[in-house]
N, C-alpha and C. Protein backbone atom coordinates (compact mmCIF):
# COMPACT_ATOMS: atom_id res chain seq x y z
N ILE A 1 25.18 -22.45 -20.86
CA ILE A 1 25.31 -21.21 -20.12
C ILE A 1 24.33 -21.24 -18.96
N PRO A 2 24.84 -21.08 -17.74
CA PRO A 2 23.93 -21.06 -16.59
C PRO A 2 23.06 -19.80 -16.58
N ILE A 3 21.84 -19.97 -16.18
CA ILE A 3 20.91 -18.85 -16.07
C ILE A 3 20.67 -18.57 -14.59
N HIS A 4 20.82 -17.33 -14.22
CA HIS A 4 20.62 -16.94 -12.83
C HIS A 4 19.43 -16.00 -12.75
N TYR A 5 18.58 -16.26 -11.79
CA TYR A 5 17.41 -15.41 -11.57
C TYR A 5 17.81 -14.23 -10.69
N LEU A 6 17.52 -13.03 -11.15
CA LEU A 6 17.74 -11.83 -10.34
C LEU A 6 16.38 -11.25 -10.01
N PRO A 7 16.01 -11.25 -8.74
CA PRO A 7 14.70 -10.71 -8.38
C PRO A 7 14.63 -9.19 -8.57
N THR A 8 13.43 -8.69 -8.63
CA THR A 8 13.23 -7.24 -8.61
C THR A 8 13.97 -6.71 -7.39
N SER A 9 14.66 -5.59 -7.54
CA SER A 9 15.39 -5.05 -6.40
C SER A 9 15.33 -3.53 -6.40
N ILE A 10 15.60 -2.98 -5.25
CA ILE A 10 15.69 -1.53 -5.07
C ILE A 10 16.90 -1.25 -4.18
N ASN A 11 17.31 -0.01 -4.13
CA ASN A 11 18.32 0.40 -3.15
C ASN A 11 17.55 0.84 -1.91
N ALA A 12 17.52 -0.03 -0.91
CA ALA A 12 16.74 0.25 0.30
C ALA A 12 17.15 1.55 0.98
N ASN A 13 18.40 1.97 0.79
CA ASN A 13 18.86 3.21 1.40
C ASN A 13 18.18 4.44 0.82
N ASP A 14 17.61 4.32 -0.38
CA ASP A 14 16.90 5.43 -1.01
C ASP A 14 15.53 5.68 -0.40
N PHE A 15 15.06 4.74 0.42
CA PHE A 15 13.72 4.82 0.99
C PHE A 15 13.82 4.69 2.51
N PRO A 16 13.97 5.82 3.19
CA PRO A 16 14.25 5.81 4.63
C PRO A 16 13.11 5.19 5.43
N TYR A 17 13.51 4.38 6.40
CA TYR A 17 12.53 3.74 7.28
C TYR A 17 11.83 4.81 8.11
N CYS A 18 10.51 4.84 8.06
CA CYS A 18 9.77 5.82 8.86
C CYS A 18 8.92 5.14 9.93
N GLY A 19 8.79 3.82 9.87
CA GLY A 19 8.07 3.08 10.90
C GLY A 19 6.61 3.46 11.00
N VAL A 20 6.04 3.20 12.16
CA VAL A 20 4.63 3.51 12.39
C VAL A 20 4.50 4.36 13.64
N ASP A 21 3.56 5.29 13.59
CA ASP A 21 3.24 6.13 14.74
C ASP A 21 1.95 5.58 15.33
N ILE A 22 2.07 4.90 16.47
CA ILE A 22 0.89 4.24 17.04
C ILE A 22 0.08 5.16 17.96
N SER A 23 0.43 6.44 18.00
CA SER A 23 -0.28 7.35 18.90
C SER A 23 -1.10 8.40 18.14
N LYS A 24 -1.35 8.17 16.87
CA LYS A 24 -2.08 9.15 16.06
C LYS A 24 -3.55 9.21 16.43
N SER A 25 -4.15 10.36 16.15
CA SER A 25 -5.59 10.51 16.36
C SER A 25 -6.35 10.48 15.04
N LYS A 26 -5.62 10.61 13.92
CA LYS A 26 -6.23 10.51 12.60
C LYS A 26 -5.28 9.70 11.71
N TYR A 27 -5.85 8.81 10.91
CA TYR A 27 -5.04 7.90 10.12
C TYR A 27 -5.17 8.19 8.63
N LYS A 28 -4.05 8.02 7.93
CA LYS A 28 -4.02 8.20 6.48
C LYS A 28 -3.79 6.85 5.82
N ILE A 29 -4.68 6.53 4.91
CA ILE A 29 -4.59 5.30 4.14
C ILE A 29 -4.39 5.73 2.68
N ALA A 30 -3.44 5.11 1.99
CA ALA A 30 -3.15 5.53 0.62
C ALA A 30 -3.12 4.35 -0.32
N THR A 31 -3.32 4.65 -1.58
CA THR A 31 -3.04 3.73 -2.66
C THR A 31 -2.23 4.51 -3.68
N VAL A 32 -1.31 3.81 -4.33
CA VAL A 32 -0.37 4.47 -5.23
C VAL A 32 -0.35 3.74 -6.56
N GLY A 33 -0.43 4.48 -7.64
CA GLY A 33 -0.28 3.85 -8.94
C GLY A 33 -1.09 4.55 -10.02
N ARG A 34 -0.83 4.15 -11.23
CA ARG A 34 -1.55 4.66 -12.39
C ARG A 34 -3.04 4.39 -12.20
N LEU A 35 -3.88 5.37 -12.47
CA LEU A 35 -5.32 5.23 -12.28
C LEU A 35 -5.91 4.49 -13.48
N SER A 36 -5.83 3.16 -13.38
CA SER A 36 -6.32 2.29 -14.45
C SER A 36 -7.06 1.12 -13.81
N TYR A 37 -7.84 0.45 -14.62
CA TYR A 37 -8.65 -0.68 -14.13
C TYR A 37 -7.80 -1.71 -13.40
N ALA A 38 -6.64 -2.06 -13.94
CA ALA A 38 -5.80 -3.12 -13.38
C ALA A 38 -5.37 -2.85 -11.95
N LYS A 39 -5.30 -1.58 -11.57
CA LYS A 39 -4.80 -1.23 -10.23
C LYS A 39 -5.88 -1.32 -9.15
N GLY A 40 -7.15 -1.50 -9.51
CA GLY A 40 -8.20 -1.77 -8.53
C GLY A 40 -8.60 -0.62 -7.63
N HIS A 41 -8.43 0.62 -8.08
CA HIS A 41 -8.78 1.78 -7.25
C HIS A 41 -10.25 1.79 -6.85
N ASP A 42 -11.10 1.26 -7.70
CA ASP A 42 -12.52 1.19 -7.39
C ASP A 42 -12.77 0.44 -6.08
N TYR A 43 -12.01 -0.64 -5.86
CA TYR A 43 -12.14 -1.43 -4.63
C TYR A 43 -11.59 -0.67 -3.43
N PHE A 44 -10.55 0.13 -3.66
CA PHE A 44 -10.01 0.98 -2.60
C PHE A 44 -11.08 1.95 -2.12
N ILE A 45 -11.78 2.58 -3.05
CA ILE A 45 -12.82 3.55 -2.70
C ILE A 45 -13.99 2.87 -1.99
N SER A 46 -14.40 1.71 -2.49
CA SER A 46 -15.49 0.97 -1.84
C SER A 46 -15.11 0.56 -0.43
N ALA A 47 -13.87 0.09 -0.26
CA ALA A 47 -13.40 -0.28 1.08
C ALA A 47 -13.35 0.94 1.99
N ALA A 48 -12.91 2.09 1.46
CA ALA A 48 -12.87 3.33 2.24
C ALA A 48 -14.27 3.70 2.73
N ASN A 49 -15.26 3.52 1.89
CA ASN A 49 -16.63 3.80 2.28
C ASN A 49 -17.03 2.93 3.48
N SER A 50 -16.71 1.66 3.42
CA SER A 50 -17.03 0.75 4.53
C SER A 50 -16.25 1.13 5.79
N ILE A 51 -14.99 1.48 5.63
CA ILE A 51 -14.16 1.88 6.77
C ILE A 51 -14.75 3.12 7.44
N CYS A 52 -15.20 4.08 6.63
CA CYS A 52 -15.78 5.32 7.18
C CYS A 52 -17.09 5.06 7.92
N ASN A 53 -17.76 3.96 7.61
CA ASN A 53 -18.97 3.59 8.36
C ASN A 53 -18.62 3.05 9.74
N ILE A 54 -17.36 2.66 9.93
CA ILE A 54 -16.91 2.11 11.21
C ILE A 54 -16.10 3.12 12.01
N ARG A 55 -15.27 3.90 11.31
CA ARG A 55 -14.37 4.86 11.96
C ARG A 55 -14.47 6.21 11.29
N SER A 56 -14.37 7.26 12.09
CA SER A 56 -14.44 8.62 11.53
C SER A 56 -13.06 9.29 11.44
N ASP A 57 -12.05 8.65 11.97
CA ASP A 57 -10.71 9.25 12.08
C ASP A 57 -9.82 8.91 10.89
N MET A 58 -10.37 8.99 9.68
CA MET A 58 -9.67 8.51 8.49
C MET A 58 -9.53 9.59 7.42
N ALA A 59 -8.43 9.47 6.67
CA ALA A 59 -8.24 10.26 5.45
C ALA A 59 -7.65 9.30 4.42
N PHE A 60 -8.05 9.45 3.17
CA PHE A 60 -7.63 8.53 2.11
C PHE A 60 -6.95 9.31 1.00
N TYR A 61 -5.84 8.77 0.53
CA TYR A 61 -5.05 9.40 -0.52
C TYR A 61 -4.95 8.48 -1.73
N ILE A 62 -5.25 9.02 -2.89
CA ILE A 62 -5.02 8.32 -4.14
C ILE A 62 -3.88 9.06 -4.82
N ILE A 63 -2.72 8.39 -4.88
CA ILE A 63 -1.51 8.99 -5.41
C ILE A 63 -1.29 8.42 -6.81
N GLY A 64 -1.36 9.28 -7.80
CA GLY A 64 -1.18 8.85 -9.18
C GLY A 64 -2.16 9.56 -10.10
N ASP A 65 -2.02 9.29 -11.37
CA ASP A 65 -2.86 9.91 -12.37
C ASP A 65 -3.17 8.88 -13.44
N GLY A 66 -4.19 9.13 -14.23
CA GLY A 66 -4.50 8.20 -15.30
C GLY A 66 -5.89 8.39 -15.84
N GLU A 67 -6.26 7.51 -16.76
CA GLU A 67 -7.51 7.65 -17.49
C GLU A 67 -8.77 7.51 -16.64
N LEU A 68 -8.68 6.93 -15.46
CA LEU A 68 -9.88 6.75 -14.62
C LEU A 68 -10.07 7.84 -13.58
N LYS A 69 -9.25 8.89 -13.61
CA LYS A 69 -9.31 9.91 -12.56
C LYS A 69 -10.71 10.50 -12.39
N GLU A 70 -11.33 10.95 -13.46
CA GLU A 70 -12.65 11.58 -13.34
C GLU A 70 -13.70 10.58 -12.85
N GLU A 71 -13.63 9.37 -13.32
CA GLU A 71 -14.58 8.33 -12.88
C GLU A 71 -14.42 8.04 -11.38
N LEU A 72 -13.19 7.96 -10.92
CA LEU A 72 -12.94 7.70 -9.51
C LEU A 72 -13.36 8.90 -8.64
N GLU A 73 -13.09 10.11 -9.11
CA GLU A 73 -13.53 11.31 -8.38
C GLU A 73 -15.06 11.33 -8.29
N ARG A 74 -15.72 10.95 -9.36
CA ARG A 74 -17.18 10.91 -9.37
C ARG A 74 -17.71 9.90 -8.35
N LYS A 75 -17.07 8.73 -8.28
CA LYS A 75 -17.50 7.71 -7.31
C LYS A 75 -17.34 8.22 -5.88
N VAL A 76 -16.21 8.86 -5.60
CA VAL A 76 -15.98 9.43 -4.27
C VAL A 76 -17.07 10.45 -3.94
N ASP A 77 -17.42 11.29 -4.91
CA ASP A 77 -18.47 12.29 -4.72
C ASP A 77 -19.83 11.63 -4.48
N GLU A 78 -20.17 10.63 -5.28
CA GLU A 78 -21.45 9.93 -5.12
C GLU A 78 -21.59 9.27 -3.76
N LEU A 79 -20.47 8.83 -3.17
CA LEU A 79 -20.48 8.20 -1.85
C LEU A 79 -20.37 9.23 -0.72
N ASN A 80 -20.38 10.52 -1.08
CA ASN A 80 -20.25 11.61 -0.10
C ASN A 80 -18.97 11.49 0.73
N LEU A 81 -17.87 11.15 0.05
CA LEU A 81 -16.59 10.98 0.73
C LEU A 81 -15.57 12.06 0.34
N THR A 82 -16.02 13.07 -0.36
CA THR A 82 -15.09 14.09 -0.88
C THR A 82 -14.22 14.69 0.23
N SER A 83 -14.78 14.91 1.40
CA SER A 83 -14.01 15.52 2.50
C SER A 83 -12.97 14.55 3.08
N LYS A 84 -13.08 13.27 2.76
CA LYS A 84 -12.16 12.25 3.28
C LYS A 84 -11.05 11.90 2.30
N PHE A 85 -11.16 12.36 1.04
CA PHE A 85 -10.25 11.94 -0.01
C PHE A 85 -9.38 13.07 -0.54
N VAL A 86 -8.14 12.70 -0.87
CA VAL A 86 -7.22 13.60 -1.56
C VAL A 86 -6.71 12.85 -2.79
N PHE A 87 -6.90 13.45 -3.95
CA PHE A 87 -6.31 12.95 -5.18
C PHE A 87 -5.08 13.81 -5.42
N THR A 88 -3.90 13.23 -5.27
CA THR A 88 -2.67 14.03 -5.38
C THR A 88 -2.24 14.26 -6.82
N GLY A 89 -2.71 13.41 -7.74
CA GLY A 89 -2.16 13.43 -9.09
C GLY A 89 -0.79 12.77 -9.07
N TYR A 90 -0.09 12.88 -10.20
CA TYR A 90 1.24 12.29 -10.30
C TYR A 90 2.22 13.09 -9.43
N LEU A 91 3.03 12.39 -8.66
CA LEU A 91 4.06 13.03 -7.84
C LEU A 91 5.43 12.53 -8.27
N GLN A 92 6.30 13.45 -8.62
CA GLN A 92 7.67 13.08 -8.99
C GLN A 92 8.38 12.43 -7.80
N ASP A 93 8.17 12.99 -6.61
CA ASP A 93 8.78 12.46 -5.39
C ASP A 93 7.66 12.15 -4.40
N MET A 94 7.39 10.87 -4.22
CA MET A 94 6.30 10.45 -3.33
C MET A 94 6.73 10.30 -1.88
N ILE A 95 8.03 10.25 -1.64
CA ILE A 95 8.52 9.94 -0.29
C ILE A 95 7.95 10.88 0.77
N PRO A 96 7.95 12.21 0.59
CA PRO A 96 7.40 13.07 1.64
C PRO A 96 5.93 12.76 1.98
N VAL A 97 5.14 12.44 0.98
CA VAL A 97 3.73 12.10 1.25
C VAL A 97 3.64 10.74 1.92
N LEU A 98 4.38 9.76 1.40
CA LEU A 98 4.32 8.41 1.97
C LEU A 98 4.79 8.38 3.42
N GLN A 99 5.71 9.25 3.79
CA GLN A 99 6.19 9.28 5.18
C GLN A 99 5.09 9.66 6.17
N THR A 100 3.99 10.20 5.69
CA THR A 100 2.88 10.59 6.57
C THR A 100 1.75 9.56 6.56
N VAL A 101 1.90 8.52 5.76
CA VAL A 101 0.83 7.53 5.57
C VAL A 101 0.99 6.38 6.56
N ASP A 102 -0.14 5.87 7.04
CA ASP A 102 -0.13 4.78 8.02
C ASP A 102 -0.22 3.39 7.38
N ILE A 103 -0.97 3.27 6.31
CA ILE A 103 -1.15 1.99 5.62
C ILE A 103 -1.26 2.29 4.13
N VAL A 104 -0.64 1.45 3.31
CA VAL A 104 -0.80 1.52 1.87
C VAL A 104 -1.57 0.29 1.41
N ILE A 105 -2.55 0.52 0.57
CA ILE A 105 -3.33 -0.57 0.01
C ILE A 105 -2.99 -0.68 -1.47
N MET A 106 -2.68 -1.90 -1.90
CA MET A 106 -2.40 -2.18 -3.31
C MET A 106 -3.45 -3.18 -3.80
N PRO A 107 -4.60 -2.67 -4.24
CA PRO A 107 -5.72 -3.56 -4.59
C PRO A 107 -5.69 -4.05 -6.05
N SER A 108 -4.51 -4.24 -6.59
CA SER A 108 -4.36 -4.62 -8.01
C SER A 108 -5.10 -5.91 -8.34
N LEU A 109 -5.59 -5.96 -9.56
CA LEU A 109 -6.25 -7.17 -10.06
C LEU A 109 -5.23 -8.10 -10.71
N TYR A 110 -4.16 -7.56 -11.22
CA TYR A 110 -3.02 -8.34 -11.68
C TYR A 110 -1.77 -7.49 -11.58
N GLU A 111 -0.64 -8.16 -11.38
CA GLU A 111 0.59 -7.42 -11.06
C GLU A 111 1.77 -8.39 -11.16
N GLY A 112 2.96 -7.88 -11.36
CA GLY A 112 4.18 -8.68 -11.26
C GLY A 112 4.69 -8.54 -9.83
N ILE A 113 5.97 -8.26 -9.67
CA ILE A 113 6.50 -7.84 -8.36
C ILE A 113 6.82 -6.36 -8.53
N PRO A 114 5.90 -5.50 -8.13
CA PRO A 114 6.13 -4.08 -8.35
C PRO A 114 7.24 -3.54 -7.46
N SER A 115 8.16 -2.79 -8.07
CA SER A 115 9.22 -2.18 -7.27
C SER A 115 8.61 -1.21 -6.26
N LEU A 116 7.45 -0.65 -6.59
CA LEU A 116 6.76 0.24 -5.65
C LEU A 116 6.44 -0.49 -4.34
N LEU A 117 6.04 -1.74 -4.43
CA LEU A 117 5.77 -2.54 -3.22
C LEU A 117 7.02 -2.60 -2.35
N LEU A 118 8.16 -2.87 -2.96
CA LEU A 118 9.42 -2.95 -2.21
C LEU A 118 9.81 -1.61 -1.61
N GLU A 119 9.58 -0.54 -2.35
CA GLU A 119 9.89 0.80 -1.85
C GLU A 119 9.06 1.13 -0.61
N ILE A 120 7.78 0.84 -0.67
CA ILE A 120 6.88 1.12 0.46
C ILE A 120 7.25 0.25 1.66
N MET A 121 7.51 -1.03 1.40
CA MET A 121 7.91 -1.92 2.50
C MET A 121 9.23 -1.48 3.10
N SER A 122 10.15 -0.99 2.28
CA SER A 122 11.43 -0.52 2.77
C SER A 122 11.26 0.64 3.75
N MET A 123 10.24 1.44 3.52
CA MET A 123 9.95 2.56 4.41
C MET A 123 9.25 2.12 5.70
N GLY A 124 8.88 0.84 5.76
CA GLY A 124 8.23 0.31 6.96
C GLY A 124 6.75 0.65 7.03
N ILE A 125 6.15 0.99 5.90
CA ILE A 125 4.72 1.29 5.89
C ILE A 125 3.97 -0.02 5.67
N PRO A 126 3.09 -0.40 6.59
CA PRO A 126 2.35 -1.64 6.40
C PRO A 126 1.55 -1.62 5.09
N VAL A 127 1.61 -2.74 4.36
CA VAL A 127 0.95 -2.87 3.07
C VAL A 127 -0.12 -3.96 3.13
N ILE A 128 -1.29 -3.62 2.61
CA ILE A 128 -2.35 -4.60 2.37
C ILE A 128 -2.44 -4.72 0.85
N ALA A 129 -2.16 -5.91 0.31
CA ALA A 129 -2.08 -6.06 -1.14
C ALA A 129 -2.87 -7.27 -1.61
N SER A 130 -3.36 -7.18 -2.83
CA SER A 130 -4.02 -8.32 -3.46
C SER A 130 -3.02 -9.44 -3.68
N ALA A 131 -3.46 -10.66 -3.45
CA ALA A 131 -2.61 -11.84 -3.64
C ALA A 131 -2.60 -12.21 -5.12
N VAL A 132 -1.93 -11.40 -5.91
CA VAL A 132 -1.86 -11.62 -7.35
C VAL A 132 -0.41 -11.55 -7.81
N GLY A 133 -0.14 -12.19 -8.95
CA GLY A 133 1.18 -12.12 -9.56
C GLY A 133 2.28 -12.49 -8.59
N GLY A 134 3.32 -11.67 -8.55
CA GLY A 134 4.48 -11.94 -7.70
C GLY A 134 4.37 -11.41 -6.29
N ILE A 135 3.27 -10.74 -5.97
CA ILE A 135 3.13 -10.14 -4.63
C ILE A 135 3.22 -11.19 -3.51
N PRO A 136 2.55 -12.35 -3.64
CA PRO A 136 2.67 -13.36 -2.56
C PRO A 136 4.08 -13.92 -2.39
N SER A 137 4.96 -13.73 -3.36
CA SER A 137 6.34 -14.19 -3.18
C SER A 137 7.13 -13.23 -2.29
N VAL A 138 6.60 -12.03 -2.10
CA VAL A 138 7.25 -11.02 -1.25
C VAL A 138 6.58 -10.94 0.11
N ILE A 139 5.26 -10.92 0.12
CA ILE A 139 4.51 -10.74 1.38
C ILE A 139 4.09 -12.09 1.95
N THR A 140 4.46 -12.30 3.20
CA THR A 140 3.93 -13.40 4.01
C THR A 140 2.85 -12.76 4.87
N SER A 141 1.60 -13.09 4.57
CA SER A 141 0.48 -12.40 5.21
C SER A 141 0.51 -12.53 6.73
N GLY A 142 0.39 -11.38 7.39
CA GLY A 142 0.42 -11.33 8.84
C GLY A 142 1.82 -11.18 9.41
N HIS A 143 2.85 -11.31 8.55
CA HIS A 143 4.23 -11.20 9.01
C HIS A 143 4.90 -9.91 8.53
N ASN A 144 4.89 -9.68 7.22
CA ASN A 144 5.51 -8.47 6.68
C ASN A 144 4.57 -7.69 5.79
N GLY A 145 3.30 -7.99 5.88
CA GLY A 145 2.24 -7.34 5.11
C GLY A 145 0.98 -8.17 5.25
N ILE A 146 -0.05 -7.79 4.54
CA ILE A 146 -1.32 -8.51 4.57
C ILE A 146 -1.74 -8.77 3.13
N LEU A 147 -2.13 -10.00 2.86
CA LEU A 147 -2.65 -10.36 1.54
C LEU A 147 -4.17 -10.49 1.60
N VAL A 148 -4.83 -10.01 0.55
CA VAL A 148 -6.29 -10.13 0.44
C VAL A 148 -6.62 -10.67 -0.95
N SER A 149 -7.81 -11.20 -1.10
CA SER A 149 -8.26 -11.67 -2.40
C SER A 149 -8.46 -10.48 -3.32
N PRO A 150 -8.10 -10.61 -4.60
CA PRO A 150 -8.30 -9.48 -5.51
C PRO A 150 -9.77 -9.14 -5.67
N GLY A 151 -10.06 -7.85 -5.69
CA GLY A 151 -11.43 -7.39 -5.87
C GLY A 151 -12.33 -7.56 -4.66
N ASN A 152 -11.74 -7.78 -3.48
CA ASN A 152 -12.55 -8.04 -2.29
C ASN A 152 -12.46 -6.85 -1.32
N GLU A 153 -13.37 -5.90 -1.50
CA GLU A 153 -13.33 -4.69 -0.67
C GLU A 153 -13.63 -4.98 0.81
N LYS A 154 -14.40 -6.03 1.10
CA LYS A 154 -14.69 -6.39 2.50
C LYS A 154 -13.42 -6.84 3.20
N GLU A 155 -12.62 -7.66 2.53
CA GLU A 155 -11.35 -8.10 3.13
C GLU A 155 -10.43 -6.90 3.37
N ILE A 156 -10.38 -5.99 2.41
CA ILE A 156 -9.55 -4.79 2.58
C ILE A 156 -10.01 -4.02 3.82
N CYS A 157 -11.31 -3.79 3.92
CA CYS A 157 -11.86 -3.07 5.08
C CYS A 157 -11.51 -3.78 6.38
N ASP A 158 -11.77 -5.08 6.43
CA ASP A 158 -11.52 -5.85 7.66
C ASP A 158 -10.04 -5.78 8.06
N GLU A 159 -9.15 -5.87 7.09
CA GLU A 159 -7.72 -5.86 7.41
C GLU A 159 -7.24 -4.47 7.83
N VAL A 160 -7.78 -3.42 7.24
CA VAL A 160 -7.43 -2.07 7.69
C VAL A 160 -7.86 -1.89 9.14
N ILE A 161 -9.09 -2.25 9.46
CA ILE A 161 -9.59 -2.11 10.83
C ILE A 161 -8.71 -2.91 11.79
N LYS A 162 -8.38 -4.14 11.40
CA LYS A 162 -7.53 -4.99 12.25
C LYS A 162 -6.18 -4.33 12.50
N LEU A 163 -5.55 -3.80 11.44
CA LEU A 163 -4.24 -3.16 11.62
C LEU A 163 -4.32 -1.91 12.48
N LEU A 164 -5.38 -1.14 12.33
CA LEU A 164 -5.51 0.07 13.14
C LEU A 164 -5.74 -0.27 14.61
N GLU A 165 -6.46 -1.34 14.87
CA GLU A 165 -6.76 -1.71 16.26
C GLU A 165 -5.63 -2.49 16.92
N ASP A 166 -4.83 -3.21 16.15
CA ASP A 166 -3.75 -4.02 16.70
C ASP A 166 -2.41 -3.33 16.43
N LYS A 167 -2.03 -2.46 17.37
CA LYS A 167 -0.82 -1.66 17.19
C LYS A 167 0.45 -2.52 17.18
N VAL A 168 0.45 -3.61 17.94
CA VAL A 168 1.61 -4.50 17.97
C VAL A 168 1.79 -5.16 16.59
N LEU A 169 0.70 -5.66 16.01
CA LEU A 169 0.77 -6.26 14.68
C LEU A 169 1.27 -5.24 13.67
N ARG A 170 0.73 -4.03 13.72
CA ARG A 170 1.14 -2.98 12.78
C ARG A 170 2.64 -2.69 12.89
N LYS A 171 3.13 -2.59 14.10
CA LYS A 171 4.56 -2.31 14.32
C LYS A 171 5.42 -3.49 13.85
N ASN A 172 5.00 -4.73 14.14
CA ASN A 172 5.76 -5.90 13.71
C ASN A 172 5.81 -6.01 12.19
N ILE A 173 4.69 -5.77 11.54
CA ILE A 173 4.66 -5.80 10.08
C ILE A 173 5.62 -4.75 9.52
N SER A 174 5.62 -3.58 10.12
CA SER A 174 6.51 -2.50 9.68
C SER A 174 7.97 -2.94 9.75
N LEU A 175 8.37 -3.47 10.88
CA LEU A 175 9.76 -3.90 11.06
C LEU A 175 10.13 -5.04 10.13
N ASN A 176 9.24 -6.03 10.01
CA ASN A 176 9.51 -7.19 9.17
C ASN A 176 9.54 -6.83 7.68
N ALA A 177 8.73 -5.86 7.29
CA ALA A 177 8.72 -5.41 5.90
C ALA A 177 10.08 -4.83 5.53
N ARG A 178 10.59 -3.96 6.37
CA ARG A 178 11.91 -3.35 6.12
C ARG A 178 12.99 -4.44 6.05
N LYS A 179 12.93 -5.40 6.99
CA LYS A 179 13.95 -6.45 7.04
C LYS A 179 13.98 -7.28 5.77
N ILE A 180 12.82 -7.69 5.26
CA ILE A 180 12.82 -8.55 4.07
C ILE A 180 13.37 -7.80 2.86
N VAL A 181 13.08 -6.52 2.75
CA VAL A 181 13.61 -5.75 1.63
C VAL A 181 15.13 -5.65 1.76
N GLU A 182 15.61 -5.33 2.95
CA GLU A 182 17.06 -5.21 3.15
C GLU A 182 17.77 -6.53 2.90
N ASN A 183 17.17 -7.63 3.35
CA ASN A 183 17.83 -8.93 3.27
C ASN A 183 17.68 -9.64 1.92
N ASP A 184 16.55 -9.43 1.23
CA ASP A 184 16.26 -10.23 0.03
C ASP A 184 16.10 -9.43 -1.25
N TYR A 185 15.81 -8.14 -1.17
CA TYR A 185 15.47 -7.37 -2.38
C TYR A 185 16.27 -6.09 -2.54
N SER A 186 17.30 -5.91 -1.75
CA SER A 186 18.11 -4.70 -1.87
C SER A 186 19.20 -4.90 -2.91
N SER A 187 19.31 -3.97 -3.83
CA SER A 187 20.34 -4.06 -4.87
C SER A 187 21.74 -4.04 -4.26
N ASN A 188 21.86 -3.53 -3.04
CA ASN A 188 23.15 -3.53 -2.36
C ASN A 188 23.62 -4.97 -2.11
N ILE A 189 22.69 -5.88 -1.88
CA ILE A 189 23.00 -7.29 -1.62
C ILE A 189 23.06 -8.07 -2.93
N ILE A 190 22.06 -7.87 -3.78
CA ILE A 190 21.90 -8.68 -5.00
C ILE A 190 23.07 -8.52 -5.95
N PHE A 191 23.61 -7.32 -6.08
CA PHE A 191 24.61 -7.07 -7.09
C PHE A 191 26.04 -7.00 -6.54
N ILE A 192 26.26 -7.53 -5.36
CA ILE A 192 27.63 -7.56 -4.81
C ILE A 192 28.34 -8.79 -5.30
């Protein structure tokens, strides 16, 4: 019996392309996922602290809920970043919030190929993700997203600054992210 590999897929039409707004005066950076050690939120917060030392035009969103919520809120408070952070909790429908976000960071310490990654890329939101699990099979760094070493808050900070300063790169990543999802990971293609 032949075995066929079916990659993780989504219906790209369910996640409308929102592209990038390169004329903003304030930027929103988000991370999405269960608030657990494996998702690396601690590194997101540390990177946000470094970013705020360089730029003042930032807001950070932690979308999700979980056992580390109080610990992460405490870290944000200890770093005096409370005015820069929004903890949304669990959202049944994340699309309206994600449509306002400029960059999504996925600082996971281990991961498969998360369908969430494909959903965000389908919307054309530039993603900076840890090079773990199946993520490098989807993201070609500098082309349709950015890969960083897991647990490396300095790399996250550097890549966020680079994306904010290089509007052409940000726009190209946005367009290429949508294309790869439509061409390689859309259930409309895979299951025809």
